[in-house]
Amino acid sequence: MAASYEPGLAARSGVRRVYMDLPGTGASPAVGPSSDAVLAAVEESLEKLAGGGPVLVSGWSYGGYLALGLARRRPDLVAAMFLVTRRPDWSR
């Protein structure tokens, strides 16, 4: 996602970006076999990274599903959301 988002965000100063591996992918440890367990792990990570402050979340495909779940579960944590239905092409 970084390769897709960075061209559009490069000019935005002061925006801290974190590209998370979902649990069980990349270097992230696996969690229980349910979407609720994955969502809880994402929520916990965002709590630590953002210190409980509001964040902008973005998601593509399953990540979008999780972003919606996070916004529903924690409206105090999610200030805004950007859902992607297909991979963005920032070159246009």
N, C-alpha and C. Protein backbone atom coordinates (compact mmCIF):
# COMPACT_ATOMS: atom_id res chain seq x y z
N MET A 1 0.81 -1.18 0.00
CA MET A 1 0.00 0.00 0.00
C MET A 1 0.86 1.25 0.00
N ALA A 2 2.03 1.19 0.61
CA ALA A 2 2.90 2.36 0.64
C ALA A 2 3.21 2.85 -0.77
N ALA A 3 3.48 1.93 -1.67
CA ALA A 3 3.79 2.33 -3.05
C ALA A 3 2.60 3.02 -3.71
N SER A 4 1.40 2.67 -3.31
CA SER A 4 0.21 3.30 -3.87
C SER A 4 -0.09 4.65 -3.23
N TYR A 5 0.09 4.76 -1.93
CA TYR A 5 -0.31 5.97 -1.21
C TYR A 5 0.75 7.08 -1.22
N GLU A 6 2.01 6.72 -1.16
CA GLU A 6 3.05 7.73 -0.99
C GLU A 6 3.07 8.83 -2.05
N PRO A 7 2.88 8.52 -3.33
CA PRO A 7 2.89 9.62 -4.30
C PRO A 7 1.82 10.67 -4.01
N GLY A 8 0.68 10.27 -3.52
CA GLY A 8 -0.38 11.22 -3.21
C GLY A 8 -0.20 11.91 -1.87
N LEU A 9 0.58 11.30 -0.97
CA LEU A 9 0.77 11.87 0.37
C LEU A 9 2.08 12.60 0.54
N ALA A 10 2.97 12.48 -0.42
CA ALA A 10 4.31 13.05 -0.28
C ALA A 10 4.30 14.55 0.01
N ALA A 11 3.37 15.26 -0.55
CA ALA A 11 3.31 16.71 -0.35
C ALA A 11 2.64 17.11 0.96
N ARG A 12 2.12 16.16 1.70
CA ARG A 12 1.42 16.45 2.96
C ARG A 12 2.41 16.43 4.12
N SER A 13 2.82 17.60 4.58
CA SER A 13 3.75 17.64 5.70
C SER A 13 3.01 17.40 7.01
N GLY A 14 3.70 16.83 7.95
CA GLY A 14 3.13 16.61 9.27
C GLY A 14 2.19 15.42 9.39
N VAL A 15 2.09 14.61 8.35
CA VAL A 15 1.23 13.44 8.40
C VAL A 15 2.10 12.22 8.64
N ARG A 16 1.95 11.62 9.80
CA ARG A 16 2.71 10.41 10.13
C ARG A 16 1.95 9.23 9.56
N ARG A 17 2.66 8.37 8.86
CA ARG A 17 2.02 7.22 8.24
C ARG A 17 2.63 5.94 8.78
N VAL A 18 1.76 4.98 9.02
CA VAL A 18 2.19 3.66 9.48
C VAL A 18 1.49 2.64 8.59
N TYR A 19 2.27 1.81 7.95
CA TYR A 19 1.71 0.75 7.11
C TYR A 19 1.87 -0.55 7.88
N MET A 20 0.76 -1.06 8.37
CA MET A 20 0.77 -2.24 9.23
C MET A 20 0.64 -3.52 8.41
N ASP A 21 1.42 -4.52 8.80
CA ASP A 21 1.16 -5.88 8.33
C ASP A 21 0.02 -6.41 9.18
N LEU A 22 -0.95 -7.02 8.55
CA LEU A 22 -2.01 -7.63 9.35
C LEU A 22 -1.43 -8.82 10.10
N PRO A 23 -2.00 -9.15 11.25
CA PRO A 23 -1.50 -10.29 12.01
C PRO A 23 -1.41 -11.55 11.15
N GLY A 24 -0.26 -12.21 11.26
CA GLY A 24 -0.03 -13.43 10.50
C GLY A 24 0.58 -13.20 9.13
N THR A 25 0.81 -11.92 8.76
CA THR A 25 1.47 -11.62 7.49
C THR A 25 2.75 -10.84 7.76
N GLY A 26 3.67 -10.86 6.81
CA GLY A 26 4.93 -10.15 7.02
C GLY A 26 5.62 -10.66 8.27
N ALA A 27 6.07 -9.73 9.10
CA ALA A 27 6.76 -10.10 10.34
C ALA A 27 5.82 -10.12 11.54
N SER A 28 4.52 -9.94 11.31
CA SER A 28 3.55 -9.89 12.41
C SER A 28 3.17 -11.28 12.87
N PRO A 29 3.09 -11.47 14.21
CA PRO A 29 2.69 -12.79 14.71
C PRO A 29 1.21 -13.07 14.39
N ALA A 30 0.89 -14.32 14.25
CA ALA A 30 -0.49 -14.74 13.97
C ALA A 30 -1.34 -14.59 15.23
N VAL A 31 -2.64 -14.43 15.01
CA VAL A 31 -3.61 -14.39 16.11
C VAL A 31 -4.68 -15.44 15.83
N GLY A 32 -5.68 -15.50 16.66
CA GLY A 32 -6.77 -16.48 16.50
C GLY A 32 -7.36 -16.47 15.10
N PRO A 33 -8.11 -17.50 14.78
CA PRO A 33 -8.58 -17.69 13.40
C PRO A 33 -9.83 -16.90 13.03
N SER A 34 -10.14 -15.81 13.73
CA SER A 34 -11.36 -15.08 13.40
C SER A 34 -11.05 -13.63 13.04
N SER A 35 -11.96 -13.01 12.31
CA SER A 35 -11.82 -11.59 11.99
C SER A 35 -11.86 -10.74 13.25
N ASP A 36 -12.62 -11.17 14.25
CA ASP A 36 -12.65 -10.43 15.52
C ASP A 36 -11.28 -10.41 16.18
N ALA A 37 -10.56 -11.52 16.10
CA ALA A 37 -9.22 -11.58 16.69
C ALA A 37 -8.26 -10.68 15.92
N VAL A 38 -8.36 -10.67 14.61
CA VAL A 38 -7.51 -9.80 13.79
C VAL A 38 -7.83 -8.34 14.10
N LEU A 39 -9.12 -8.00 14.16
CA LEU A 39 -9.53 -6.64 14.47
C LEU A 39 -9.03 -6.20 15.84
N ALA A 40 -9.11 -7.08 16.82
CA ALA A 40 -8.63 -6.75 18.17
C ALA A 40 -7.13 -6.47 18.15
N ALA A 41 -6.37 -7.24 17.36
CA ALA A 41 -4.92 -7.02 17.27
C ALA A 41 -4.61 -5.70 16.58
N VAL A 42 -5.36 -5.36 15.54
CA VAL A 42 -5.18 -4.08 14.85
C VAL A 42 -5.51 -2.94 15.80
N GLU A 43 -6.60 -3.06 16.52
CA GLU A 43 -7.00 -2.03 17.49
C GLU A 43 -5.92 -1.83 18.54
N GLU A 44 -5.40 -2.91 19.06
CA GLU A 44 -4.35 -2.82 20.08
C GLU A 44 -3.10 -2.13 19.53
N SER A 45 -2.73 -2.48 18.31
CA SER A 45 -1.56 -1.85 17.69
C SER A 45 -1.77 -0.35 17.50
N LEU A 46 -2.95 0.03 17.01
CA LEU A 46 -3.24 1.45 16.81
C LEU A 46 -3.27 2.21 18.12
N GLU A 47 -3.79 1.59 19.16
CA GLU A 47 -3.79 2.22 20.49
C GLU A 47 -2.36 2.56 20.90
N LYS A 48 -1.46 1.62 20.72
CA LYS A 48 -0.06 1.83 21.10
C LYS A 48 0.60 2.90 20.23
N LEU A 49 0.36 2.82 18.92
CA LEU A 49 1.01 3.75 17.99
C LEU A 49 0.46 5.17 18.10
N ALA A 50 -0.83 5.30 18.29
CA ALA A 50 -1.47 6.62 18.31
C ALA A 50 -1.66 7.16 19.72
N GLY A 51 -1.38 6.36 20.71
CA GLY A 51 -1.56 6.82 22.08
C GLY A 51 -3.01 7.14 22.42
N GLY A 52 -3.94 6.49 21.74
CA GLY A 52 -5.35 6.71 22.01
C GLY A 52 -5.95 7.89 21.26
N GLY A 53 -5.09 8.64 20.55
CA GLY A 53 -5.58 9.79 19.80
C GLY A 53 -6.27 9.38 18.52
N PRO A 54 -7.03 10.28 17.93
CA PRO A 54 -7.75 9.93 16.70
C PRO A 54 -6.79 9.73 15.53
N VAL A 55 -7.12 8.77 14.67
CA VAL A 55 -6.30 8.44 13.52
C VAL A 55 -7.16 8.39 12.25
N LEU A 56 -6.50 8.51 11.13
CA LEU A 56 -7.13 8.26 9.84
C LEU A 56 -6.74 6.85 9.46
N VAL A 57 -7.69 6.02 9.13
CA VAL A 57 -7.39 4.65 8.72
C VAL A 57 -7.77 4.46 7.27
N SER A 58 -7.04 3.59 6.63
CA SER A 58 -7.32 3.27 5.24
C SER A 58 -7.24 1.76 5.09
N GLY A 59 -8.01 1.26 4.18
CA GLY A 59 -7.96 -0.16 3.94
C GLY A 59 -8.41 -0.51 2.54
N TRP A 60 -7.85 -1.58 2.05
CA TRP A 60 -8.17 -2.10 0.73
C TRP A 60 -8.58 -3.56 0.91
N SER A 61 -9.69 -3.94 0.32
CA SER A 61 -10.19 -5.30 0.39
C SER A 61 -10.45 -5.68 1.86
N TYR A 62 -9.82 -6.72 2.36
CA TYR A 62 -10.05 -7.14 3.75
C TYR A 62 -9.67 -6.03 4.73
N GLY A 63 -8.65 -5.26 4.39
CA GLY A 63 -8.27 -4.13 5.24
C GLY A 63 -9.37 -3.11 5.35
N GLY A 64 -10.14 -2.91 4.28
CA GLY A 64 -11.29 -2.02 4.33
C GLY A 64 -12.37 -2.55 5.25
N TYR A 65 -12.58 -3.84 5.19
CA TYR A 65 -13.54 -4.50 6.09
C TYR A 65 -13.12 -4.28 7.54
N LEU A 66 -11.83 -4.44 7.83
CA LEU A 66 -11.34 -4.23 9.18
C LEU A 66 -11.45 -2.76 9.59
N ALA A 67 -11.18 -1.84 8.66
CA ALA A 67 -11.30 -0.41 8.95
C ALA A 67 -12.73 -0.06 9.35
N LEU A 68 -13.69 -0.61 8.64
CA LEU A 68 -15.10 -0.39 8.98
C LEU A 68 -15.42 -0.95 10.37
N GLY A 69 -14.92 -2.13 10.66
CA GLY A 69 -15.12 -2.73 11.98
C GLY A 69 -14.50 -1.89 13.08
N LEU A 70 -13.31 -1.36 12.82
CA LEU A 70 -12.64 -0.52 13.80
C LEU A 70 -13.43 0.77 14.05
N ALA A 71 -13.93 1.37 12.98
CA ALA A 71 -14.72 2.60 13.14
C ALA A 71 -16.00 2.35 13.92
N ARG A 72 -16.59 1.21 13.70
CA ARG A 72 -17.82 0.87 14.44
C ARG A 72 -17.51 0.58 15.91
N ARG A 73 -16.42 -0.14 16.14
CA ARG A 73 -16.06 -0.52 17.51
C ARG A 73 -15.48 0.66 18.29
N ARG A 74 -14.70 1.51 17.60
CA ARG A 74 -13.98 2.59 18.28
C ARG A 74 -14.14 3.93 17.55
N PRO A 75 -15.33 4.50 17.54
CA PRO A 75 -15.51 5.79 16.86
C PRO A 75 -14.66 6.90 17.47
N ASP A 76 -14.26 6.74 18.73
CA ASP A 76 -13.39 7.72 19.37
C ASP A 76 -11.97 7.67 18.83
N LEU A 77 -11.57 6.54 18.26
CA LEU A 77 -10.21 6.36 17.75
C LEU A 77 -10.10 6.72 16.27
N VAL A 78 -11.17 6.52 15.52
CA VAL A 78 -11.12 6.74 14.07
C VAL A 78 -11.69 8.11 13.73
N ALA A 79 -10.81 9.03 13.31
CA ALA A 79 -11.24 10.38 12.95
C ALA A 79 -11.76 10.42 11.52
N ALA A 80 -11.17 9.61 10.65
CA ALA A 80 -11.58 9.58 9.25
C ALA A 80 -11.14 8.25 8.65
N MET A 81 -11.75 7.93 7.52
CA MET A 81 -11.47 6.64 6.88
C MET A 81 -11.39 6.84 5.38
N PHE A 82 -10.47 6.13 4.76
CA PHE A 82 -10.30 6.13 3.31
C PHE A 82 -10.36 4.68 2.86
N LEU A 83 -11.43 4.32 2.17
CA LEU A 83 -11.60 2.94 1.70
C LEU A 83 -11.28 2.86 0.22
N VAL A 84 -10.51 1.88 -0.14
CA VAL A 84 -10.06 1.71 -1.52
C VAL A 84 -10.77 0.50 -2.11
N THR A 85 -11.39 0.69 -3.26
CA THR A 85 -12.08 -0.42 -3.90
C THR A 85 -11.20 -1.11 -4.94
N ARG A 86 -10.19 -0.41 -5.38
CA ARG A 86 -9.20 -1.01 -6.26
C ARG A 86 -7.89 -0.31 -6.00
N ARG A 87 -6.80 -0.90 -6.43
CA ARG A 87 -5.49 -0.30 -6.19
C ARG A 87 -5.42 1.06 -6.86
N PRO A 88 -5.08 2.11 -6.10
CA PRO A 88 -5.02 3.44 -6.69
C PRO A 88 -3.89 3.56 -7.70
N ASP A 89 -4.12 4.34 -8.74
CA ASP A 89 -3.09 4.66 -9.71
C ASP A 89 -2.82 6.16 -9.60
N TRP A 90 -1.82 6.53 -8.80
CA TRP A 90 -1.53 7.94 -8.54
C TRP A 90 -0.82 8.59 -9.72
N SER A 91 -0.46 7.84 -10.75
CA SER A 91 0.29 8.42 -11.86
C SER A 91 -0.60 9.27 -12.76
N ARG A 92 -1.91 9.20 -12.63
CA ARG A 92 -2.79 9.99 -13.48
C ARG A 92 -2.87 11.42 -13.05
